[in-house]
N, C-alpha and C. Protein backbone atom coordinates (compact mmCIF):
# COMPACT_ATOMS: atom_id res chain seq x y z
N MET A 1 -38.77 0.02 65.23
CA MET A 1 -38.64 -0.34 64.37
C MET A 1 -39.62 0.08 63.13
N CYS A 2 -39.00 0.02 61.97
CA CYS A 2 -39.39 0.87 61.09
C CYS A 2 -40.88 0.14 60.85
N ARG A 3 -41.68 1.51 60.30
CA ARG A 3 -43.07 1.07 60.27
C ARG A 3 -43.50 0.60 58.93
N SER A 4 -42.65 0.90 57.65
CA SER A 4 -42.91 -0.15 56.65
C SER A 4 -42.53 -1.31 56.23
N ILE A 5 -41.68 -1.90 57.77
CA ILE A 5 -41.61 -3.22 57.71
C ILE A 5 -42.69 -3.93 58.16
N LYS A 6 -43.12 -4.92 57.10
CA LYS A 6 -44.78 -5.65 57.84
C LYS A 6 -43.95 -6.79 58.41
N ARG A 7 -44.90 -7.47 59.48
CA ARG A 7 -44.84 -8.78 60.29
C ARG A 7 -44.62 -9.84 58.94
N LEU A 8 -43.69 -10.36 58.99
CA LEU A 8 -43.33 -11.66 57.95
C LEU A 8 -43.74 -13.00 58.38
N ARG A 9 -44.07 -13.20 59.83
CA ARG A 9 -44.12 -14.59 60.02
C ARG A 9 -45.83 -14.49 60.84
N GLU A 10 -46.81 -13.94 60.06
CA GLU A 10 -47.93 -14.25 60.36
C GLU A 10 -48.97 -14.25 58.95
N GLY A 11 -49.42 -15.50 59.60
CA GLY A 11 -50.08 -16.03 58.07
C GLY A 11 -49.87 -17.16 57.86
N ASP A 12 -51.20 -18.28 56.76
CA ASP A 12 -51.05 -19.09 56.48
C ASP A 12 -50.00 -19.35 55.35
N VAL A 13 -49.90 -17.96 55.02
CA VAL A 13 -48.40 -18.39 53.82
C VAL A 13 -47.28 -17.86 53.97
N PRO A 14 -46.11 -19.03 53.84
CA PRO A 14 -44.83 -18.17 54.43
C PRO A 14 -44.56 -16.93 53.77
N ALA A 15 -43.82 -16.17 54.24
CA ALA A 15 -43.02 -14.92 53.63
C ALA A 15 -42.52 -15.47 52.37
N THR A 16 -42.67 -14.58 51.26
CA THR A 16 -41.67 -14.64 50.10
C THR A 16 -40.34 -14.16 50.36
N GLU A 17 -39.54 -14.54 49.13
CA GLU A 17 -38.14 -14.34 49.25
C GLU A 17 -37.85 -12.87 49.22
N THR A 18 -38.97 -12.17 48.00
CA THR A 18 -38.91 -10.51 47.91
C THR A 18 -39.66 -10.07 49.27
N GLU A 19 -40.62 -10.30 50.04
CA GLU A 19 -40.61 -9.96 51.08
C GLU A 19 -39.86 -9.81 52.05
N ILE A 20 -39.15 -10.88 52.27
CA ILE A 20 -37.55 -10.97 53.53
C ILE A 20 -36.93 -9.82 52.56
N ARG A 21 -36.51 -9.61 51.69
CA ARG A 21 -35.68 -8.68 50.86
C ARG A 21 -35.87 -7.42 51.18
N GLU A 22 -36.76 -6.85 51.13
CA GLU A 22 -37.45 -5.84 51.26
C GLU A 22 -37.31 -5.50 52.51
N ALA A 23 -37.92 -6.09 53.21
CA ALA A 23 -37.60 -5.84 54.74
C ALA A 23 -36.15 -5.63 55.24
N ALA A 24 -35.53 -6.19 54.79
CA ALA A 24 -34.13 -6.24 54.86
C ALA A 24 -33.22 -5.09 54.31
N LEU A 25 -33.86 -5.08 53.31
CA LEU A 25 -33.43 -3.19 52.65
C LEU A 25 -33.97 -2.29 53.54
N GLN A 26 -35.05 -1.98 54.03
CA GLN A 26 -35.60 -1.42 54.95
C GLN A 26 -34.65 -1.06 56.17
N PHE A 27 -34.34 -2.26 56.66
CA PHE A 27 -33.68 -2.40 58.16
C PHE A 27 -32.33 -1.58 57.85
N VAL A 28 -31.85 -1.84 56.74
CA VAL A 28 -30.26 -1.88 56.42
C VAL A 28 -30.08 0.10 56.21
N ARG A 29 -31.43 0.34 55.02
CA ARG A 29 -31.71 1.92 55.35
C ARG A 29 -32.03 2.13 56.40
N LYS A 30 -32.53 2.14 57.36
CA LYS A 30 -32.68 2.66 58.83
C LYS A 30 -31.55 2.73 59.87
N VAL A 31 -30.63 1.51 59.46
CA VAL A 31 -29.30 1.63 60.34
C VAL A 31 -28.52 2.53 59.76
N SER A 32 -28.60 2.49 58.20
CA SER A 32 -27.23 3.31 57.94
C SER A 32 -27.75 4.54 57.59
N GLY A 33 -28.76 5.04 57.47
CA GLY A 33 -29.37 6.49 57.47
C GLY A 33 -29.01 6.66 56.10
N SER A 34 -29.06 5.66 55.16
CA SER A 34 -29.31 6.18 53.69
C SER A 34 -29.88 5.46 52.92
N ASN A 35 -30.97 5.76 52.26
CA ASN A 35 -31.72 5.58 51.53
C ASN A 35 -31.18 4.90 50.14
N LYS A 36 -30.21 5.55 49.70
CA LYS A 36 -29.39 5.11 48.37
C LYS A 36 -27.80 5.33 48.67
N PRO A 37 -26.83 4.63 48.79
CA PRO A 37 -25.72 4.24 49.46
C PRO A 37 -25.01 5.36 48.34
N SER A 38 -23.55 5.64 48.87
CA SER A 38 -22.92 6.07 47.52
C SER A 38 -22.02 5.30 47.10
N LYS A 39 -21.41 5.07 45.60
CA LYS A 39 -20.65 4.64 45.02
C LYS A 39 -19.66 3.53 45.85
N ALA A 40 -19.02 4.49 46.57
CA ALA A 40 -18.06 3.96 47.45
C ALA A 40 -18.53 2.68 48.61
N ASN A 41 -19.88 2.80 48.96
CA ASN A 41 -20.65 2.04 50.43
C ASN A 41 -21.44 1.03 49.30
N ALA A 42 -21.71 0.82 48.01
CA ALA A 42 -22.87 0.29 47.48
C ALA A 42 -22.58 -1.16 47.84
N GLU A 43 -21.31 -1.75 47.47
CA GLU A 43 -21.29 -3.07 47.60
C GLU A 43 -21.32 -3.66 49.56
N ALA A 44 -21.15 -2.83 50.24
CA ALA A 44 -21.13 -2.67 51.83
C ALA A 44 -22.64 -2.75 51.86
N PHE A 45 -23.39 -1.85 51.66
CA PHE A 45 -24.97 -1.85 51.88
C PHE A 45 -25.54 -3.07 51.15
N GLU A 46 -24.93 -3.59 49.72
CA GLU A 46 -25.36 -4.46 49.40
C GLU A 46 -25.19 -6.17 50.26
N ARG A 47 -24.30 -6.20 50.72
CA ARG A 47 -24.02 -7.46 51.26
C ARG A 47 -24.91 -7.27 52.84
N ALA A 48 -24.92 -5.68 53.30
CA ALA A 48 -25.66 -6.11 54.23
C ALA A 48 -27.14 -6.48 54.06
N VAL A 49 -27.83 -6.37 52.92
CA VAL A 49 -28.80 -6.59 53.28
C VAL A 49 -28.99 -7.74 52.51
N GLU A 50 -27.96 -8.48 51.68
CA GLU A 50 -28.09 -10.14 51.65
C GLU A 50 -27.84 -10.69 53.00
N GLU A 51 -26.76 -10.32 54.05
CA GLU A 51 -26.85 -10.78 55.14
C GLU A 51 -28.05 -10.56 56.34
N VAL A 52 -28.59 -9.77 56.34
CA VAL A 52 -30.14 -9.42 56.98
C VAL A 52 -30.88 -10.61 56.45
N ALA A 53 -30.72 -10.71 54.94
CA ALA A 53 -31.99 -11.44 54.24
C ALA A 53 -31.74 -12.85 54.88
N ALA A 54 -30.65 -13.06 54.50
CA ALA A 54 -30.38 -14.96 54.96
C ALA A 54 -30.49 -14.71 56.19
N SER A 55 -30.30 -13.97 57.56
CA SER A 55 -30.52 -14.56 58.40
C SER A 55 -32.14 -14.15 59.24
N THR A 56 -32.63 -13.33 58.81
CA THR A 56 -34.29 -13.26 58.48
C THR A 56 -34.66 -14.79 58.26
N ARG A 57 -34.26 -15.01 57.12
CA ARG A 57 -34.60 -16.57 56.66
C ARG A 57 -34.97 -17.73 57.15
N LYS A 58 -33.37 -17.93 58.03
CA LYS A 58 -33.22 -18.36 59.12
C LYS A 58 -33.94 -18.34 60.11
N LEU A 59 -34.47 -16.95 60.86
CA LEU A 59 -35.12 -17.19 62.05
C LEU A 59 -36.35 -17.49 61.54
N LEU A 60 -37.18 -17.28 60.51
CA LEU A 60 -38.06 -17.56 60.03
C LEU A 60 -38.45 -19.00 59.95
N ASP A 61 -37.24 -19.88 59.63
CA ASP A 61 -37.89 -21.34 59.19
C ASP A 61 -37.62 -22.17 60.53
N SER A 62 -37.00 -21.17 61.75
CA SER A 62 -36.66 -22.11 62.89
C SER A 62 -37.58 -22.16 64.20
N LEU A 63 -38.37 -20.67 63.78
CA LEU A 63 -39.60 -20.53 64.55
C LEU A 63 -40.28 -21.89 64.71
N VAL A 64 -40.96 -21.97 65.89
CA VAL A 64 -42.24 -22.52 65.83
C VAL A 64 -43.38 -22.68 66.87
N THR A 65 -44.27 -23.04 66.83
CA THR A 65 -45.59 -22.28 67.26
C THR A 65 -46.94 -23.33 67.13
N ASN A 66 -47.09 -23.32 68.21
CA ASN A 66 -48.77 -23.84 68.18
C ASN A 66 -50.06 -23.07 68.16
N ALA A 67 -49.75 -22.14 67.98
CA ALA A 67 -50.85 -21.18 67.25
C ALA A 67 -51.58 -21.78 65.67
N PRO A 68 -52.92 -21.49 65.62
CA PRO A 68 -53.23 -21.62 64.67
C PRO A 68 -52.76 -20.54 63.43
N PRO A 69 -52.67 -20.78 62.16
CA PRO A 69 -52.17 -20.01 61.27
C PRO A 69 -53.30 -18.78 61.10
N LYS A 70 -52.78 -17.33 60.59
CA LYS A 70 -53.35 -16.47 60.87
C LYS A 70 -53.59 -15.71 59.21
N ASN A 71 -54.67 -15.56 58.66
CA ASN A 71 -54.98 -15.42 57.48
C ASN A 71 -54.01 -13.72 57.31
N ARG A 72 -53.30 -13.55 55.80
CA ARG A 72 -52.59 -12.34 56.05
C ARG A 72 -53.41 -11.04 55.85
N GLU A 73 -54.51 -11.40 54.85
CA GLU A 73 -55.43 -10.44 54.36
C GLU A 73 -56.47 -9.94 55.81
N GLU A 74 -56.90 -10.72 56.44
CA GLU A 74 -57.28 -10.65 57.61
C GLU A 74 -57.00 -9.81 58.60
N GLU A 75 -55.89 -10.26 58.83
CA GLU A 75 -54.61 -9.46 59.73
C GLU A 75 -54.62 -7.91 59.30
N ALA A 76 -54.43 -7.72 57.87
CA ALA A 76 -54.09 -6.84 57.35
C ALA A 76 -55.35 -5.79 57.67
N ASP A 77 -56.45 -6.05 57.35
CA ASP A 77 -57.60 -5.74 57.29
C ASP A 77 -58.01 -4.95 59.01
N LYS A 78 -57.72 -6.07 59.56
CA LYS A 78 -57.79 -5.72 61.11
C LYS A 78 -56.66 -3.95 61.76
N ARG A 79 -56.08 -4.63 61.14
CA ARG A 79 -54.47 -3.62 60.99
C ARG A 79 -55.24 -2.02 60.66
N ARG A 80 -55.86 -1.97 59.58
CA ARG A 80 -56.51 -0.86 58.97
C ARG A 80 -57.58 -0.19 59.56
N ALA A 81 -58.06 -1.14 60.36
CA ALA A 81 -59.74 -0.57 60.58
C ALA A 81 -59.09 0.36 62.08
N LYS A 82 -58.39 -0.82 62.83
CA LYS A 82 -58.16 -0.24 64.00
C LYS A 82 -57.33 0.93 63.84
N TYR A 83 -56.18 1.52 62.41
CA TYR A 83 -55.86 2.34 62.44
C TYR A 83 -56.60 3.75 62.22
N GLU A 84 -57.64 3.23 61.35
CA GLU A 84 -58.94 4.35 61.18
C GLU A 84 -59.53 4.87 62.01
N GLU A 85 -60.10 3.52 63.26
CA GLU A 85 -60.56 3.93 64.71
C GLU A 85 -59.93 5.09 65.34
N ARG A 86 -58.45 4.73 65.28
CA ARG A 86 -57.58 5.51 65.82
C ARG A 86 -57.74 6.91 65.70
N PHE A 87 -57.20 7.64 64.39
CA PHE A 87 -57.15 8.19 63.37
C PHE A 87 -58.32 9.23 63.06
N ALA A 88 -59.91 8.59 63.41
CA ALA A 88 -60.33 9.29 62.86
C ALA A 88 -61.03 10.55 63.78
N ALA A 89 -61.31 11.38 63.05
CA ALA A 89 -61.40 12.97 63.64
C ALA A 89 -63.22 13.30 63.91
């Protein structure tokens, strides 16, 4: 998975439509091997982004859990600390 795609289902605040679209865009870029499609492929590229975003929203809306919600900022801080510890030389 692309490292720049962040987890959307963690936190006490649901993922925004912008976050979902950004993740979908990163996914389509990765799969297509293109950061910016040619004019000939722009429509197909955009359609793929919209379809992935819609599927992601459906997935997030249908998932259930009994775990208490996590705080996004706290989780991000934990990941940063783990990264710094791992790569501190």
